[in-house]
Amino acid sequence: MSNPRQIYKVIFLNQGQIYEIYATQIYQGELYGFIEVEEFLFGERAQMVVDPSEERLKNEFADVKRSFIPMQSIIRIDEVEKEGIAKVIDAGGGNVAAFPMNFGPGGKGKKS
C-alpha cells in the first residue's frame, strides 16, 4: 500500500493581492523567515474551461523551481485531499488595514 501524495494549499499576500496556490513540497528551509514552496500544481491544460486567474499563475510560476515566501505574508497553509484551482484575488481595501511595523533600527524614543 503506497502513501498518497501530500498536497498543500498555500494562501499568501503578495503586492496587495491574495495568492492561492497548490504544491506538493512545503518546508521551512535554511533561509530564515521564509517558507520554501516547490513542485507547484496547476490544473490540466486539456480542460475546456480556462480560468484566467489560474492561467496567470501558471505563467508567473512557469520557470520557477522553488519559491521563497516570507512568513509574515503567509495567511494559511492547508493539507488537502486534492488540488483545486489556483487563483489570485484582489485583497481590496475594505476597512481593515495592516498594523504598521518598523523594520529599521531604532529604539523606544527619539534621541535628541
N, C-alpha and C. Protein backbone atom coordinates (compact mmCIF):
# COMPACT_ATOMS: atom_id res chain seq x y z
N MET A 1 0.85 -1.19 0.00
CA MET A 1 0.00 0.00 0.00
C MET A 1 0.89 1.24 0.00
N SER A 2 0.79 2.05 -1.01
CA SER A 2 1.64 3.23 -1.13
C SER A 2 0.98 4.44 -0.46
N ASN A 3 1.82 5.34 0.01
CA ASN A 3 1.31 6.56 0.63
C ASN A 3 0.80 7.49 -0.46
N PRO A 4 -0.38 8.09 -0.25
CA PRO A 4 -0.86 9.07 -1.23
C PRO A 4 0.01 10.32 -1.18
N ARG A 5 0.09 11.00 -2.29
CA ARG A 5 0.88 12.23 -2.40
C ARG A 5 0.22 13.32 -1.56
N GLN A 6 1.03 14.01 -0.76
CA GLN A 6 0.51 15.11 0.04
C GLN A 6 0.39 16.35 -0.84
N ILE A 7 -0.75 17.03 -0.72
CA ILE A 7 -0.99 18.26 -1.47
C ILE A 7 -1.30 19.37 -0.48
N TYR A 8 -0.65 20.50 -0.66
CA TYR A 8 -0.83 21.64 0.22
C TYR A 8 -1.42 22.82 -0.54
N LYS A 9 -2.35 23.50 0.09
CA LYS A 9 -2.89 24.76 -0.43
C LYS A 9 -2.23 25.87 0.37
N VAL A 10 -1.55 26.77 -0.31
CA VAL A 10 -0.84 27.87 0.34
C VAL A 10 -1.54 29.17 -0.06
N ILE A 11 -1.96 29.93 0.94
CA ILE A 11 -2.60 31.22 0.71
C ILE A 11 -1.68 32.28 1.30
N PHE A 12 -1.27 33.24 0.46
CA PHE A 12 -0.36 34.28 0.94
C PHE A 12 -0.66 35.61 0.26
N LEU A 13 -0.20 36.67 0.88
CA LEU A 13 -0.39 38.03 0.39
C LEU A 13 0.85 38.44 -0.40
N ASN A 14 0.62 38.97 -1.61
CA ASN A 14 1.73 39.42 -2.46
C ASN A 14 1.30 40.68 -3.20
N GLN A 15 1.92 41.80 -2.89
CA GLN A 15 1.68 43.08 -3.56
C GLN A 15 0.19 43.43 -3.63
N GLY A 16 -0.49 43.35 -2.50
CA GLY A 16 -1.89 43.75 -2.42
C GLY A 16 -2.88 42.75 -2.98
N GLN A 17 -2.40 41.56 -3.31
CA GLN A 17 -3.28 40.52 -3.83
C GLN A 17 -3.09 39.24 -3.03
N ILE A 18 -4.14 38.44 -2.95
CA ILE A 18 -4.08 37.18 -2.23
C ILE A 18 -3.89 36.07 -3.26
N TYR A 19 -2.80 35.32 -3.11
CA TYR A 19 -2.49 34.21 -4.00
C TYR A 19 -2.91 32.92 -3.31
N GLU A 20 -3.54 32.03 -4.06
CA GLU A 20 -3.88 30.70 -3.57
C GLU A 20 -3.27 29.71 -4.55
N ILE A 21 -2.25 28.98 -4.09
CA ILE A 21 -1.55 28.04 -4.96
C ILE A 21 -1.53 26.67 -4.31
N TYR A 22 -1.22 25.65 -5.12
CA TYR A 22 -1.13 24.28 -4.65
C TYR A 22 0.25 23.74 -4.96
N ALA A 23 0.80 22.97 -4.01
CA ALA A 23 2.14 22.41 -4.18
C ALA A 23 2.24 21.11 -3.39
N THR A 24 3.27 20.32 -3.73
CA THR A 24 3.46 19.06 -3.01
C THR A 24 4.61 19.13 -2.01
N GLN A 25 5.43 20.15 -2.08
CA GLN A 25 6.56 20.29 -1.16
C GLN A 25 6.55 21.66 -0.51
N ILE A 26 6.43 21.68 0.83
CA ILE A 26 6.47 22.93 1.59
C ILE A 26 7.27 22.68 2.86
N TYR A 27 8.22 23.56 3.12
CA TYR A 27 9.02 23.40 4.32
C TYR A 27 9.71 24.70 4.67
N GLN A 28 10.16 24.77 5.93
CA GLN A 28 10.95 25.91 6.37
C GLN A 28 12.40 25.54 6.09
N GLY A 29 13.00 26.25 5.20
CA GLY A 29 14.36 25.93 4.77
C GLY A 29 15.41 26.69 5.55
N GLU A 30 16.57 26.79 4.95
CA GLU A 30 17.70 27.43 5.59
C GLU A 30 17.63 28.95 5.56
N LEU A 31 16.83 29.52 4.67
CA LEU A 31 16.70 30.96 4.57
C LEU A 31 15.74 31.42 5.66
N TYR A 32 16.26 32.01 6.73
CA TYR A 32 15.48 32.34 7.91
C TYR A 32 14.32 33.28 7.59
N GLY A 33 13.13 32.94 8.08
CA GLY A 33 11.95 33.78 7.92
C GLY A 33 11.17 33.53 6.64
N PHE A 34 11.55 32.50 5.90
CA PHE A 34 10.88 32.19 4.64
C PHE A 34 10.40 30.74 4.62
N ILE A 35 9.28 30.52 3.97
CA ILE A 35 8.77 29.17 3.71
C ILE A 35 9.13 28.84 2.27
N GLU A 36 9.69 27.66 2.04
CA GLU A 36 10.05 27.23 0.69
C GLU A 36 8.91 26.39 0.11
N VAL A 37 8.53 26.72 -1.11
CA VAL A 37 7.46 26.01 -1.80
C VAL A 37 8.02 25.47 -3.11
N GLU A 38 7.83 24.16 -3.33
CA GLU A 38 8.32 23.51 -4.54
C GLU A 38 7.23 22.65 -5.15
N GLU A 39 7.43 22.26 -6.38
CA GLU A 39 6.53 21.35 -7.10
C GLU A 39 5.09 21.89 -7.12
N PHE A 40 4.94 23.00 -7.80
CA PHE A 40 3.64 23.65 -7.95
C PHE A 40 2.70 22.77 -8.76
N LEU A 41 1.42 22.81 -8.41
CA LEU A 41 0.40 22.05 -9.13
C LEU A 41 -0.60 23.01 -9.75
N PHE A 42 -0.88 22.79 -11.02
CA PHE A 42 -1.89 23.58 -11.72
C PHE A 42 -2.78 22.61 -12.47
N GLY A 43 -3.99 23.04 -12.78
CA GLY A 43 -4.95 22.18 -13.49
C GLY A 43 -4.42 21.72 -14.83
N GLU A 44 -5.03 20.69 -15.35
CA GLU A 44 -4.64 20.14 -16.65
C GLU A 44 -4.93 21.15 -17.76
N ARG A 45 -4.07 21.22 -18.73
CA ARG A 45 -4.26 22.13 -19.86
C ARG A 45 -5.36 21.64 -20.81
N ALA A 46 -5.81 20.41 -20.65
CA ALA A 46 -6.82 19.85 -21.55
C ALA A 46 -8.24 20.26 -21.15
N GLN A 47 -8.38 21.00 -20.05
CA GLN A 47 -9.71 21.40 -19.61
C GLN A 47 -10.33 22.35 -20.64
N MET A 48 -11.63 22.22 -20.79
CA MET A 48 -12.34 23.08 -21.73
C MET A 48 -12.51 24.50 -21.18
N VAL A 49 -12.78 24.62 -19.90
CA VAL A 49 -12.98 25.92 -19.28
C VAL A 49 -11.63 26.42 -18.77
N VAL A 50 -11.25 27.62 -19.18
CA VAL A 50 -9.97 28.19 -18.78
C VAL A 50 -10.23 29.34 -17.81
N ASP A 51 -9.63 29.25 -16.64
CA ASP A 51 -9.75 30.30 -15.64
C ASP A 51 -8.59 31.28 -15.85
N PRO A 52 -8.88 32.55 -16.18
CA PRO A 52 -7.79 33.50 -16.45
C PRO A 52 -6.85 33.70 -15.26
N SER A 53 -7.39 33.60 -14.03
CA SER A 53 -6.56 33.76 -12.84
C SER A 53 -5.56 32.62 -12.74
N GLU A 54 -6.02 31.40 -13.00
CA GLU A 54 -5.12 30.25 -12.93
C GLU A 54 -4.08 30.31 -14.06
N GLU A 55 -4.49 30.74 -15.23
CA GLU A 55 -3.56 30.88 -16.35
C GLU A 55 -2.47 31.90 -16.02
N ARG A 56 -2.86 32.97 -15.35
CA ARG A 56 -1.89 34.00 -14.95
C ARG A 56 -0.85 33.40 -14.00
N LEU A 57 -1.32 32.59 -13.04
CA LEU A 57 -0.40 31.97 -12.10
C LEU A 57 0.49 30.94 -12.79
N LYS A 58 -0.06 30.18 -13.72
CA LYS A 58 0.75 29.21 -14.47
C LYS A 58 1.89 29.92 -15.17
N ASN A 59 1.59 31.06 -15.78
CA ASN A 59 2.62 31.82 -16.48
C ASN A 59 3.62 32.43 -15.51
N GLU A 60 3.14 32.93 -14.38
CA GLU A 60 4.02 33.57 -13.41
C GLU A 60 5.00 32.57 -12.79
N PHE A 61 4.53 31.34 -12.55
CA PHE A 61 5.37 30.32 -11.91
C PHE A 61 5.91 29.29 -12.90
N ALA A 62 5.82 29.57 -14.20
CA ALA A 62 6.21 28.60 -15.23
C ALA A 62 7.66 28.14 -15.10
N ASP A 63 8.59 29.04 -14.90
CA ASP A 63 10.00 28.68 -14.84
C ASP A 63 10.55 28.68 -13.41
N VAL A 64 9.66 28.67 -12.43
CA VAL A 64 10.08 28.72 -11.03
C VAL A 64 10.27 27.30 -10.50
N LYS A 65 11.47 27.02 -10.02
CA LYS A 65 11.76 25.72 -9.42
C LYS A 65 11.35 25.71 -7.96
N ARG A 66 11.64 26.80 -7.26
CA ARG A 66 11.36 26.91 -5.83
C ARG A 66 11.04 28.37 -5.55
N SER A 67 10.06 28.59 -4.69
CA SER A 67 9.68 29.95 -4.31
C SER A 67 9.87 30.12 -2.80
N PHE A 68 10.42 31.25 -2.41
CA PHE A 68 10.63 31.57 -1.01
C PHE A 68 9.61 32.64 -0.64
N ILE A 69 8.68 32.30 0.24
CA ILE A 69 7.61 33.22 0.63
C ILE A 69 7.86 33.66 2.06
N PRO A 70 7.89 34.97 2.31
CA PRO A 70 8.12 35.45 3.68
C PRO A 70 7.02 34.97 4.63
N MET A 71 7.42 34.54 5.81
CA MET A 71 6.45 34.01 6.78
C MET A 71 5.35 35.01 7.10
N GLN A 72 5.68 36.30 7.16
CA GLN A 72 4.66 37.29 7.51
C GLN A 72 3.64 37.48 6.40
N SER A 73 3.91 36.96 5.20
CA SER A 73 2.96 37.04 4.09
C SER A 73 2.00 35.85 4.05
N ILE A 74 2.36 34.78 4.74
CA ILE A 74 1.53 33.57 4.73
C ILE A 74 0.26 33.84 5.52
N ILE A 75 -0.87 33.55 4.89
CA ILE A 75 -2.15 33.66 5.57
C ILE A 75 -2.53 32.30 6.14
N ARG A 76 -2.33 31.25 5.32
CA ARG A 76 -2.75 29.93 5.76
C ARG A 76 -2.11 28.86 4.86
N ILE A 77 -1.81 27.70 5.47
CA ILE A 77 -1.35 26.53 4.72
C ILE A 77 -2.22 25.36 5.17
N ASP A 78 -2.86 24.70 4.20
CA ASP A 78 -3.72 23.55 4.48
C ASP A 78 -3.21 22.34 3.72
N GLU A 79 -3.27 21.16 4.35
CA GLU A 79 -3.05 19.92 3.62
C GLU A 79 -4.42 19.48 3.12
N VAL A 80 -4.56 19.26 1.82
CA VAL A 80 -5.86 18.96 1.22
C VAL A 80 -5.82 17.59 0.52
N GLU A 81 -6.99 17.05 0.24
CA GLU A 81 -7.12 15.76 -0.42
C GLU A 81 -6.73 15.83 -1.90
N LYS A 82 -7.17 16.90 -2.57
CA LYS A 82 -6.86 17.06 -3.99
C LYS A 82 -6.67 18.53 -4.30
N GLU A 83 -5.97 18.79 -5.40
CA GLU A 83 -5.71 20.17 -5.76
C GLU A 83 -6.97 20.85 -6.27
N GLY A 84 -7.05 22.13 -6.04
CA GLY A 84 -8.15 22.94 -6.53
C GLY A 84 -7.64 23.87 -7.62
N ILE A 85 -8.37 24.92 -7.83
CA ILE A 85 -8.00 25.90 -8.86
C ILE A 85 -7.15 26.99 -8.21
N ALA A 86 -5.95 27.17 -8.72
CA ALA A 86 -5.08 28.24 -8.23
C ALA A 86 -5.68 29.57 -8.68
N LYS A 87 -5.59 30.58 -7.82
CA LYS A 87 -6.19 31.86 -8.18
C LYS A 87 -5.51 33.02 -7.47
N VAL A 88 -5.77 34.20 -8.03
CA VAL A 88 -5.31 35.46 -7.44
C VAL A 88 -6.55 36.29 -7.18
N ILE A 89 -6.66 36.79 -5.96
CA ILE A 89 -7.82 37.59 -5.57
C ILE A 89 -7.30 38.95 -5.12
N ASP A 90 -7.96 40.01 -5.55
CA ASP A 90 -7.59 41.34 -5.10
C ASP A 90 -7.92 41.45 -3.62
N ALA A 91 -6.95 41.83 -2.80
CA ALA A 91 -7.15 41.91 -1.36
C ALA A 91 -8.15 43.00 -1.00
N GLY A 92 -8.26 44.01 -1.84
CA GLY A 92 -9.23 45.09 -1.59
C GLY A 92 -8.88 45.87 -0.34
N GLY A 93 -9.34 47.08 -0.30
CA GLY A 93 -9.05 47.93 0.85
C GLY A 93 -9.92 47.57 2.04
N GLY A 94 -11.22 47.59 1.83
CA GLY A 94 -12.12 47.32 2.95
C GLY A 94 -11.86 48.28 4.09
N ASN A 95 -12.23 47.90 5.28
CA ASN A 95 -11.98 48.76 6.43
C ASN A 95 -10.97 48.12 7.38
N VAL A 96 -10.20 47.16 6.89
CA VAL A 96 -9.16 46.53 7.68
C VAL A 96 -7.83 46.87 7.06
N ALA A 97 -6.91 47.34 7.87
CA ALA A 97 -5.58 47.70 7.37
C ALA A 97 -4.53 46.97 8.18
N ALA A 98 -3.38 46.76 7.56
CA ALA A 98 -2.27 46.11 8.25
C ALA A 98 -1.72 47.03 9.33
N PHE A 99 -1.30 46.44 10.45
CA PHE A 99 -0.71 47.20 11.53
C PHE A 99 0.67 47.67 11.07
N PRO A 100 0.97 48.98 11.19
CA PRO A 100 2.27 49.47 10.73
C PRO A 100 3.40 48.88 11.56
N MET A 101 4.46 48.47 10.85
CA MET A 101 5.60 47.85 11.53
C MET A 101 6.86 48.60 11.14
N ASN A 102 7.74 48.82 12.11
CA ASN A 102 9.01 49.47 11.86
C ASN A 102 10.08 48.39 11.79
N PHE A 103 10.68 48.20 10.61
CA PHE A 103 11.70 47.19 10.45
C PHE A 103 13.11 47.76 10.53
N GLY A 104 13.21 49.07 10.62
CA GLY A 104 14.52 49.68 10.65
C GLY A 104 15.08 49.74 12.06
N PRO A 105 16.31 50.18 12.20
CA PRO A 105 16.91 50.30 13.52
C PRO A 105 16.24 51.43 14.29
N GLY A 106 16.25 51.31 15.55
CA GLY A 106 15.66 52.37 16.38
C GLY A 106 15.34 51.86 17.76
N GLY A 107 15.07 52.78 18.62
CA GLY A 107 14.74 52.43 19.99
C GLY A 107 13.32 52.80 20.30
N LYS A 108 13.06 52.99 21.59
CA LYS A 108 11.72 53.31 22.04
C LYS A 108 11.37 54.77 21.81
N GLY A 109 12.32 55.60 21.83
CA GLY A 109 12.02 57.04 21.67
C GLY A 109 13.04 57.70 20.78
N LYS A 110 12.77 58.97 20.48
CA LYS A 110 13.70 59.75 19.65
C LYS A 110 14.90 60.16 20.49
N LYS A 111 16.04 60.17 19.85
CA LYS A 111 17.24 60.64 20.52
C LYS A 111 17.49 62.06 20.06
N SER A 112 17.74 62.94 20.96
CA SER A 112 17.97 64.35 20.61
C SER A 112 19.41 64.64 20.42
